[in-house]
Amino acid sequence: MPLLDKKGRIFGKFNILDLFIILMVLILSIGGFYKISRANPADMIRPKPIELKIIVMNREKIGVDVIKEGDILKEYDTGTILGQIKKVEVYPASTEVVTTEGEIKAAEIPDRYDLIITIDGEAIVTDNSIISGKSELRIGNKLVLRTKTYALDSIILEVNVKEE
């Protein structure tokens, strides 16, 4: 029995092209498995602890009273947990007004408050950015957060990566 017959089959049973395709799929599968099994867990990106300070401006008293230390904050759109409120500082809200003399001065807004909220959380830290869910945490960025009972429209004041 010849090795190749007239139709190009090996031992009359296997087509050379089919054998080549099966061999290529097998080699690629083995190579992929080898690469995945050798992945170093230290190379994978893990969330790191962060401390985030945000400012919530011009809230009414009723909106201030519901915000408590220990509340879990989530991103408004995705529901991804950002972290837990560590500290809430409340200040009277103010705005700039022009006096009759033409000077610009800060004036307190009655029954309105600004809050500086410190949040402990976790985020992906890379060389170029700090990311939580779909949001890049950068000073000055707007951040909309929520809990079960309230929502916050805030601006990031400070982002600190904690050492593990």
Protein backbone atom coordinates (compact mmCIF):
# COMPACT_ATOMS: atom_id res chain seq x y z
CA MET A 1 0.00 0.00 0.00
CA PRO A 2 1.58 3.33 -1.08
CA LEU A 3 1.99 6.22 1.35
CA LEU A 4 0.04 8.61 -0.94
CA ASP A 5 -2.72 7.44 -3.27
CA LYS A 6 -3.94 9.10 -6.49
CA LYS A 7 -6.33 11.42 -4.59
CA GLY A 8 -3.55 12.75 -2.34
CA ARG A 9 -4.59 10.83 0.74
CA ILE A 10 -2.17 9.32 3.22
CA PHE A 11 -2.74 5.55 3.43
CA GLY A 12 -5.96 6.17 1.48
CA LYS A 13 -7.71 7.65 4.53
CA PHE A 14 -6.44 11.16 5.39
CA ASN A 15 -6.24 14.18 3.13
CA ILE A 16 -2.92 16.07 3.49
CA LEU A 17 -4.71 19.44 3.81
CA ASP A 18 -7.02 18.12 6.55
CA LEU A 19 -4.06 16.68 8.42
CA PHE A 20 -2.21 20.00 8.15
CA ILE A 21 -5.21 21.96 9.52
CA ILE A 22 -5.67 19.52 12.44
CA LEU A 23 -1.95 19.75 13.21
CA MET A 24 -2.04 23.60 13.18
CA VAL A 25 -5.09 23.74 15.50
CA LEU A 26 -3.38 21.30 17.87
CA ILE A 27 -0.12 23.30 17.93
CA LEU A 28 -1.97 26.60 18.53
CA SER A 29 -4.05 25.04 21.32
CA ILE A 30 -0.98 23.67 23.08
CA GLY A 31 0.80 27.04 22.70
CA GLY A 32 -2.20 28.95 24.10
CA PHE A 33 -2.54 26.60 27.06
CA TYR A 34 1.19 26.91 27.77
CA LYS A 35 1.05 30.72 27.68
CA ILE A 36 -2.00 30.92 29.96
CA SER A 37 -0.68 28.40 32.46
CA ARG A 38 2.61 30.33 32.74
CA ALA A 39 0.87 33.67 33.55
CA ASN A 40 2.44 35.19 36.63
CA PRO A 41 -0.20 36.24 39.20
CA ALA A 42 2.07 39.12 40.21
CA ASP A 43 1.64 40.61 36.72
CA MET A 44 -2.15 40.83 37.04
CA ILE A 45 -3.56 44.20 38.04
CA ARG A 46 -5.13 44.19 41.48
CA PRO A 47 -7.12 46.98 43.08
CA LYS A 48 -5.19 49.04 45.60
CA PRO A 49 -6.58 50.92 48.59
CA ILE A 50 -7.19 54.63 48.00
CA GLU A 51 -8.44 57.61 49.93
CA LEU A 52 -10.59 60.04 47.98
CA LYS A 53 -11.77 63.51 49.00
CA ILE A 54 -14.75 64.96 47.19
CA ILE A 55 -16.70 68.19 47.57
CA VAL A 56 -20.47 68.35 47.30
CA MET A 57 -21.60 71.95 46.90
CA ASN A 58 -24.73 73.87 47.74
CA ARG A 59 -26.83 71.16 49.49
CA GLU A 60 -29.91 71.80 51.58
CA LYS A 61 -29.91 70.82 55.27
CA ILE A 62 -32.20 67.84 54.64
CA GLY A 63 -29.74 66.52 52.05
CA VAL A 64 -26.83 66.97 54.44
CA ASP A 65 -28.47 65.11 57.34
CA VAL A 66 -28.87 61.83 55.39
CA ILE A 67 -25.15 61.51 54.61
CA LYS A 68 -23.50 59.39 57.31
CA GLU A 69 -20.07 57.95 57.98
CA GLY A 70 -20.01 54.28 56.98
CA ASP A 71 -22.37 54.67 53.99
CA ILE A 72 -21.30 52.69 50.92
CA LEU A 73 -21.03 54.88 47.82
CA LYS A 74 -21.48 53.52 44.30
CA GLU A 75 -20.97 55.06 40.89
CA TYR A 76 -24.31 56.40 39.72
CA ASP A 77 -24.31 54.90 36.21
CA THR A 78 -22.63 51.53 36.73
CA GLY A 79 -23.41 50.71 40.36
CA THR A 80 -19.75 49.86 40.94
CA ILE A 81 -18.82 50.29 44.59
CA LEU A 82 -16.42 53.21 45.00
CA GLY A 83 -15.93 52.92 48.74
CA GLN A 84 -17.14 53.74 52.22
CA ILE A 85 -17.57 57.21 53.73
CA LYS A 86 -14.86 57.73 56.33
CA LYS A 87 -15.47 61.37 57.27
CA VAL A 88 -18.00 64.11 56.49
CA GLU A 89 -17.14 67.78 57.01
CA VAL A 90 -19.97 70.33 56.69
CA TYR A 91 -19.37 74.03 55.94
CA PRO A 92 -21.76 76.88 55.16
CA ALA A 93 -22.09 77.35 51.41
CA SER A 94 -20.89 80.65 50.01
CA THR A 95 -20.90 82.51 46.74
CA GLU A 96 -19.14 85.55 45.33
CA VAL A 97 -21.11 88.78 45.26
CA VAL A 98 -20.33 92.28 44.03
CA THR A 99 -20.74 94.96 46.68
CA THR A 100 -22.06 98.47 46.05
CA GLU A 101 -18.45 99.65 46.04
CA GLY A 102 -17.67 97.26 43.18
CA GLU A 103 -15.65 94.79 45.30
CA ILE A 104 -16.10 91.04 45.04
CA LYS A 105 -16.66 89.36 48.41
CA ALA A 106 -17.73 85.94 49.63
CA ALA A 107 -21.25 85.82 51.02
CA GLU A 108 -22.84 82.94 52.89
CA ILE A 109 -25.88 81.32 51.27
CA PRO A 110 -28.62 80.84 53.89
CA ASP A 111 -29.67 77.23 54.58
CA ARG A 112 -27.14 75.80 52.11
CA TYR A 113 -24.06 73.74 52.88
CA ASP A 114 -20.90 72.45 51.23
CA LEU A 115 -19.61 69.02 52.24
CA ILE A 116 -16.13 67.61 52.03
CA ILE A 117 -16.41 63.83 52.14
CA THR A 118 -13.47 61.47 52.66
CA ILE A 119 -13.95 58.02 51.14
CA ASP A 120 -11.93 54.84 51.68
CA GLY A 121 -12.08 52.54 48.68
CA GLU A 122 -10.19 50.48 46.13
CA ALA A 123 -9.20 51.32 42.56
CA ILE A 124 -7.01 50.05 39.76
CA VAL A 125 -3.77 52.04 39.86
CA THR A 126 -1.63 52.19 36.71
CA ASP A 127 1.27 54.40 35.66
CA ASN A 128 -1.12 56.78 33.87
CA SER A 129 -4.36 56.70 35.84
CA ILE A 130 -6.42 55.61 38.81
CA ILE A 131 -9.64 53.89 37.73
CA SER A 132 -12.74 52.82 39.65
CA GLY A 133 -15.37 51.08 37.57
CA LYS A 134 -15.59 53.17 34.41
CA SER A 135 -14.45 56.43 36.04
CA GLU A 136 -10.96 57.85 36.01
CA LEU A 137 -10.30 59.42 39.38
CA ARG A 138 -8.53 62.70 38.67
CA ILE A 139 -8.54 65.91 40.68
CA GLY A 140 -11.19 68.24 39.27
CA ASN A 141 -13.24 65.49 37.61
CA LYS A 142 -16.97 65.42 38.23
CA LEU A 143 -18.15 62.28 40.02
CA VAL A 144 -21.81 61.31 40.45
CA LEU A 145 -22.36 58.85 43.31
CA ARG A 146 -25.35 57.16 44.92
CA THR A 147 -26.51 54.99 47.79
CA LYS A 148 -29.90 53.38 48.32
CA THR A 149 -31.36 56.64 49.62
CA TYR A 150 -29.48 59.58 48.08
CA ALA A 151 -27.29 60.74 45.21
CA LEU A 152 -24.33 63.12 45.21
CA ASP A 153 -23.03 65.35 42.45
CA SER A 154 -19.42 65.97 43.43
CA ILE A 155 -15.99 67.12 42.31
CA ILE A 156 -12.80 65.25 43.23
CA LEU A 157 -10.47 67.30 45.43
CA GLU A 158 -7.82 64.75 46.32
CA VAL A 159 -6.82 61.18 45.40
CA ASN A 160 -4.28 59.35 47.57
CA VAL A 161 -3.04 55.82 46.97
CA LYS A 162 -2.45 54.08 50.30
CA GLU A 163 0.51 51.79 50.84
CA GLU A 164 -0.57 48.18 51.39
